Amino acid sequence: MQHELGAPRTESGQLQHYLESVLERLSEGACAAPLTRVGTGGVRVRARSSCSRSAGLRVVGTLANVIDELARRFPPEHAQRPAAAAVALVLFPGSDGQPCALLIERCRRRGDRWSGDVALPGGMASHRAESAADVARRETLEEVGVRVGEPVASLPHRWTLHPRRKRPMRVVPVVFRLDEPPPLDALEVEDGEVAAAFAVPLRTLAGRVGFARKRVGRSRVPVPAIHVPGERVLWGLTLAMTRPLKLVARHVEGMR
């Protein structure tokens, strides 16, 4: 599920204001990169010195350390409330013992604003009383064939537009834990919805945000993004939903 960011209409000044506001929302108070005006033709990113110090941020400790910190900061009880839509952030140990997350690449479809985007498994509730945890569990099983148990955390919700009704819709990211990595090469992904499922190290998701050119409305503009395995780009709503991991990773790094 990916957010169609509200694109500025024309002028570069509007584009700059748009990028500044997106970066401010994504920074979560850590490693923010202020933008400096360069005439009227564009913007230049000037990273603070604190960014360069944390650019090589490395998550240390076990998956249990990360889960404990997530649960402390973002209690899982919130995931038991009804939600219009939810996504699953499924964490598991990688081959090197470092925590990883399960992400998907959406199928490319004409008329789908999330076509080909990197996302988390997820979707909309089947009825009004369905909890965020139940939505995320069901969609994860349907889209990638992975069964998850009880949630371990519930990250801050984000807003996007309902794909059909064109009105604001709240999306809740729910965190689940797997003790063993899923068989990525053997997953039965949902035809017509998911093109691929893959693992991304948590240190990548918690890393510095750069830029990539993506289509927003009728234009291709630079947007905040993280490059993930397979020459893919994580951006938009999914990027915003995973930024709280940066705070958790920084705290776990300090637990050595």
Protein backbone atom coordinates (compact mmCIF):
# COMPACT_ATOMS: atom_id res chain seq x y z
CA MET A 1 0.00 0.00 0.00
CA GLN A 2 1.63 3.24 -1.12
CA HIS A 3 0.61 6.87 -0.69
CA GLU A 4 -0.03 9.05 -3.71
CA LEU A 5 1.63 12.19 -2.39
CA GLY A 6 -0.13 15.45 -3.19
CA ALA A 7 2.04 16.89 -5.94
CA PRO A 8 2.66 20.63 -6.28
CA ARG A 9 0.99 22.03 -9.35
CA THR A 10 3.77 23.84 -11.20
CA GLU A 11 6.36 26.19 -9.74
CA SER A 12 9.68 25.06 -8.26
CA GLY A 13 8.93 27.06 -5.11
CA GLN A 14 5.86 24.91 -4.51
CA LEU A 15 7.93 21.79 -5.13
CA GLN A 16 10.51 22.94 -2.60
CA HIS A 17 7.84 23.59 0.03
CA TYR A 18 6.38 20.16 -0.66
CA LEU A 19 9.74 18.40 -0.23
CA GLU A 20 10.51 20.34 2.93
CA SER A 21 7.22 19.31 4.52
CA VAL A 22 7.68 15.65 3.56
CA LEU A 23 11.22 15.55 4.94
CA GLU A 24 10.07 17.19 8.16
CA ARG A 25 7.41 14.51 8.63
CA LEU A 26 9.84 11.70 7.85
CA SER A 27 12.74 12.86 9.96
CA GLU A 28 11.05 12.03 13.29
CA GLY A 29 13.59 14.30 14.91
CA ALA A 30 16.59 12.20 13.85
CA CYS A 31 19.07 12.91 11.09
CA ALA A 32 16.96 15.62 9.46
CA ALA A 33 18.41 17.15 6.31
CA PRO A 34 17.48 20.85 5.94
CA LEU A 35 16.93 22.14 2.42
CA THR A 36 18.71 25.21 1.11
CA ARG A 37 17.28 27.33 -1.70
CA VAL A 38 19.27 27.59 -4.91
CA GLY A 39 17.64 30.43 -6.81
CA THR A 40 14.27 29.37 -8.25
CA GLY A 41 15.46 26.36 -10.21
CA GLY A 42 15.62 23.69 -7.54
CA VAL A 43 16.78 22.70 -4.10
CA ARG A 44 20.01 21.44 -2.57
CA VAL A 45 20.19 19.11 0.41
CA ARG A 46 22.72 20.09 3.06
CA ALA A 47 23.11 17.32 5.67
CA ARG A 48 23.78 18.29 9.27
CA SER A 49 26.96 17.02 10.85
CA SER A 50 24.90 14.72 13.08
CA CYS A 51 23.72 12.98 9.93
CA SER A 52 27.21 12.12 8.83
CA ARG A 53 27.96 10.69 12.26
CA SER A 54 24.91 8.44 12.14
CA ALA A 55 25.09 7.55 8.45
CA GLY A 56 26.74 4.26 9.29
CA LEU A 57 24.13 3.42 11.91
CA ARG A 58 24.23 -0.32 12.62
CA VAL A 59 21.57 -2.18 14.53
CA VAL A 60 23.17 -4.43 17.11
CA GLY A 61 21.71 -6.97 19.47
CA THR A 62 19.21 -9.67 18.75
CA LEU A 63 15.76 -9.52 17.25
CA ALA A 64 14.47 -9.79 20.82
CA ASN A 65 16.18 -6.47 21.68
CA VAL A 66 14.42 -4.74 18.80
CA ILE A 67 11.05 -6.32 19.60
CA ASP A 68 11.31 -5.32 23.26
CA GLU A 69 12.06 -1.72 22.36
CA LEU A 70 9.25 -1.61 19.78
CA ALA A 71 6.76 -2.97 22.30
CA ARG A 72 7.91 -0.44 24.90
CA ARG A 73 7.55 2.53 22.59
CA PHE A 74 4.54 1.35 20.56
CA PRO A 75 2.33 -1.00 22.63
CA PRO A 76 0.57 -3.75 20.64
CA GLU A 77 -2.78 -3.10 22.34
CA HIS A 78 -3.53 -0.35 19.81
CA ALA A 79 -3.60 -2.99 17.06
CA GLN A 80 -6.70 -4.55 18.62
CA ARG A 81 -8.84 -1.53 17.73
CA PRO A 82 -10.91 -1.44 14.52
CA ALA A 83 -9.14 0.08 11.53
CA ALA A 84 -10.13 0.90 7.97
CA ALA A 85 -6.82 -0.47 6.70
CA ALA A 86 -3.66 -2.04 8.09
CA VAL A 87 -0.28 -3.35 6.99
CA ALA A 88 2.03 -5.95 8.52
CA LEU A 89 5.65 -5.24 9.38
CA VAL A 90 6.93 -8.80 9.78
CA LEU A 91 10.34 -9.00 11.48
CA PHE A 92 12.58 -12.06 11.56
CA PRO A 93 16.27 -12.93 12.04
CA GLY A 94 18.42 -12.78 8.93
CA SER A 95 21.21 -15.18 8.02
CA ASP A 96 23.72 -12.99 9.86
CA GLY A 97 21.51 -12.80 12.94
CA GLN A 98 20.51 -9.19 12.30
CA PRO A 99 16.78 -8.35 12.20
CA CYS A 100 15.12 -8.21 8.78
CA ALA A 101 11.68 -7.17 7.53
CA LEU A 102 9.43 -8.75 4.90
CA LEU A 103 8.52 -6.38 2.07
CA ILE A 104 6.70 -6.91 -1.19
CA GLU A 105 6.74 -5.47 -4.69
CA ARG A 106 3.28 -4.77 -6.08
CA CYS A 107 2.31 -6.01 -9.53
CA ARG A 108 2.34 -3.44 -12.29
CA ARG A 109 -1.22 -2.60 -13.33
CA ARG A 110 -2.61 0.22 -15.42
CA GLY A 111 -4.70 2.63 -13.41
CA ASP A 112 -3.28 1.47 -10.06
CA ARG A 113 -1.49 4.33 -8.30
CA TRP A 114 0.50 1.77 -6.24
CA SER A 115 1.52 -0.17 -9.35
CA GLY A 116 5.02 -1.65 -9.03
CA ASP A 117 5.69 0.02 -5.67
CA VAL A 118 7.53 -1.48 -2.72
CA ALA A 119 5.11 -1.99 0.15
CA LEU A 120 4.23 -3.93 3.26
CA PRO A 121 1.63 -6.71 3.03
CA GLY A 122 -1.71 -5.21 3.87
CA GLY A 123 -5.08 -3.98 2.76
CA MET A 124 -8.51 -2.78 3.85
CA ALA A 125 -10.81 -4.16 6.51
CA SER A 126 -13.53 -6.56 5.42
CA HIS A 127 -15.99 -5.09 7.95
CA ARG A 128 -16.10 -2.15 10.35
CA ALA A 129 -15.35 -4.16 13.47
CA GLU A 130 -12.25 -5.88 12.10
CA SER A 131 -9.18 -4.91 14.13
CA ALA A 132 -5.93 -3.66 12.63
CA ALA A 133 -4.20 -6.85 13.81
CA ASP A 134 -6.81 -9.06 12.12
CA VAL A 135 -6.61 -7.08 8.87
CA ALA A 136 -2.82 -7.28 8.81
CA ARG A 137 -2.82 -11.02 9.65
CA ARG A 138 -5.39 -11.86 6.98
CA GLU A 139 -3.72 -9.79 4.27
CA THR A 140 -0.28 -11.22 5.03
CA LEU A 141 -1.61 -14.76 4.62
CA GLU A 142 -3.47 -13.85 1.42
CA GLU A 143 -0.66 -11.88 -0.21
CA VAL A 144 2.45 -13.85 0.71
CA GLY A 145 1.20 -17.05 2.36
CA VAL A 146 2.87 -16.29 5.70
CA ARG A 147 1.02 -16.98 8.96
CA VAL A 148 1.75 -14.59 11.81
CA GLY A 149 0.65 -14.75 15.44
CA GLU A 150 -0.16 -12.03 17.91
CA PRO A 151 1.17 -8.50 17.26
CA VAL A 152 4.23 -7.35 19.18
CA ALA A 153 3.80 -3.62 18.48
CA SER A 154 1.58 -1.13 16.69
CA LEU A 155 3.37 1.77 14.98
CA PRO A 156 1.83 5.24 14.60
CA HIS A 157 -0.94 5.31 12.02
CA ARG A 158 -0.68 7.25 8.77
CA TRP A 159 -3.25 8.81 6.49
CA THR A 160 -3.77 8.22 2.80
CA LEU A 161 -6.65 8.45 0.32
CA HIS A 162 -9.16 5.65 0.03
CA PRO A 163 -8.47 4.07 -3.39
CA ARG A 164 -12.13 4.18 -4.45
CA ARG A 165 -13.93 6.73 -2.32
CA LYS A 166 -11.18 9.38 -2.54
CA ARG A 167 -11.51 10.33 1.10
CA PRO A 168 -8.95 10.19 3.95
CA MET A 169 -8.24 6.68 5.23
CA ARG A 170 -6.25 5.73 8.33
CA VAL A 171 -3.67 2.96 7.90
CA VAL A 172 -2.23 1.18 10.94
CA PRO A 173 1.18 -0.57 10.71
CA VAL A 174 1.17 -3.69 12.91
CA VAL A 175 4.43 -5.41 13.86
CA PHE A 176 4.71 -9.20 13.99
CA ARG A 177 7.60 -11.49 14.84
CA LEU A 178 8.79 -14.71 13.22
CA ASP A 179 11.41 -16.79 15.04
CA GLU A 180 12.65 -18.22 11.73
CA PRO A 181 13.03 -16.50 8.34
CA PRO A 182 10.22 -17.31 5.88
CA PRO A 183 11.13 -19.37 2.78
CA LEU A 184 11.27 -16.37 0.45
CA ASP A 185 11.98 -18.43 -2.68
CA ALA A 186 9.02 -20.70 -1.99
CA LEU A 187 6.35 -18.21 -0.90
CA GLU A 188 3.03 -18.40 -2.73
CA VAL A 189 2.38 -14.75 -3.51
CA GLU A 190 -1.07 -13.58 -4.55
CA ASP A 191 -1.51 -13.52 -8.33
CA GLY A 192 -2.29 -10.12 -9.75
CA GLU A 193 -1.41 -8.35 -6.51
CA VAL A 194 2.17 -9.22 -5.52
CA ALA A 195 5.08 -9.57 -7.94
CA ALA A 196 7.71 -10.55 -5.35
CA ALA A 197 8.42 -10.83 -1.63
CA PHE A 198 11.89 -10.10 -0.27
CA ALA A 199 13.83 -9.37 2.92
CA VAL A 200 15.29 -5.99 3.85
CA PRO A 201 17.74 -5.58 6.77
CA LEU A 202 16.36 -3.43 9.54
CA ARG A 203 19.50 -1.29 9.40
CA THR A 204 18.53 -0.38 5.83
CA LEU A 205 15.00 0.64 6.80
CA ALA A 206 16.42 2.64 9.70
CA GLY A 207 19.05 4.31 7.53
CA ARG A 208 19.32 7.76 6.03
CA VAL A 209 16.61 8.90 3.63
CA GLY A 210 17.80 10.02 0.21
CA PHE A 211 15.92 10.93 -2.95
CA ALA A 212 14.57 9.16 -6.02
CA ARG A 213 12.55 10.42 -8.96
CA LYS A 214 9.02 9.06 -8.95
CA ARG A 215 5.82 9.90 -10.78
CA VAL A 216 3.55 12.05 -8.63
CA GLY A 217 0.39 12.99 -10.46
CA ARG A 218 1.44 13.88 -14.01
CA SER A 219 5.05 14.74 -13.22
CA ARG A 220 8.22 12.96 -12.18
CA VAL A 221 9.67 14.68 -9.14
CA PRO A 222 12.38 13.92 -6.56
CA VAL A 223 10.82 12.34 -3.48
CA PRO A 224 12.30 11.12 -0.18
CA ALA A 225 13.26 7.46 -0.63
CA ILE A 226 15.44 4.56 0.49
CA HIS A 227 17.01 2.13 -1.98
CA VAL A 228 16.37 -1.50 -1.02
CA PRO A 229 17.56 -4.83 -2.48
CA GLY A 230 16.82 -5.59 -6.12
CA GLU A 231 17.30 -1.99 -7.29
CA ARG A 232 13.93 -1.17 -5.76
CA VAL A 233 12.87 2.11 -4.15
CA LEU A 234 10.93 2.48 -0.90
CA TRP A 235 9.05 5.77 -0.73
CA GLY A 236 5.74 7.44 0.08
CA LEU A 237 3.40 6.01 2.69
CA THR A 238 5.42 2.85 3.28
CA LEU A 239 8.56 4.87 3.92
CA ALA A 240 6.69 7.10 6.37
CA MET A 241 5.26 4.10 8.21
CA THR A 242 8.69 2.54 8.73
CA ARG A 243 10.52 5.68 9.93
CA PRO A 244 9.80 4.98 13.64
CA LEU A 245 12.27 2.11 13.23
CA LYS A 246 15.02 4.72 13.12
CA LEU A 247 14.35 5.75 16.71
CA VAL A 248 14.25 2.14 17.85
CA ALA A 249 17.47 1.28 16.01
CA ARG A 250 19.29 4.22 17.53
CA HIS A 251 18.24 3.14 20.99
CA VAL A 252 19.24 -0.49 20.43
CA GLU A 253 22.61 0.68 19.10
CA GLY A 254 23.16 2.40 22.43
CA MET A 255 22.46 -0.80 24.36
CA ARG A 256 25.80 -2.43 23.43
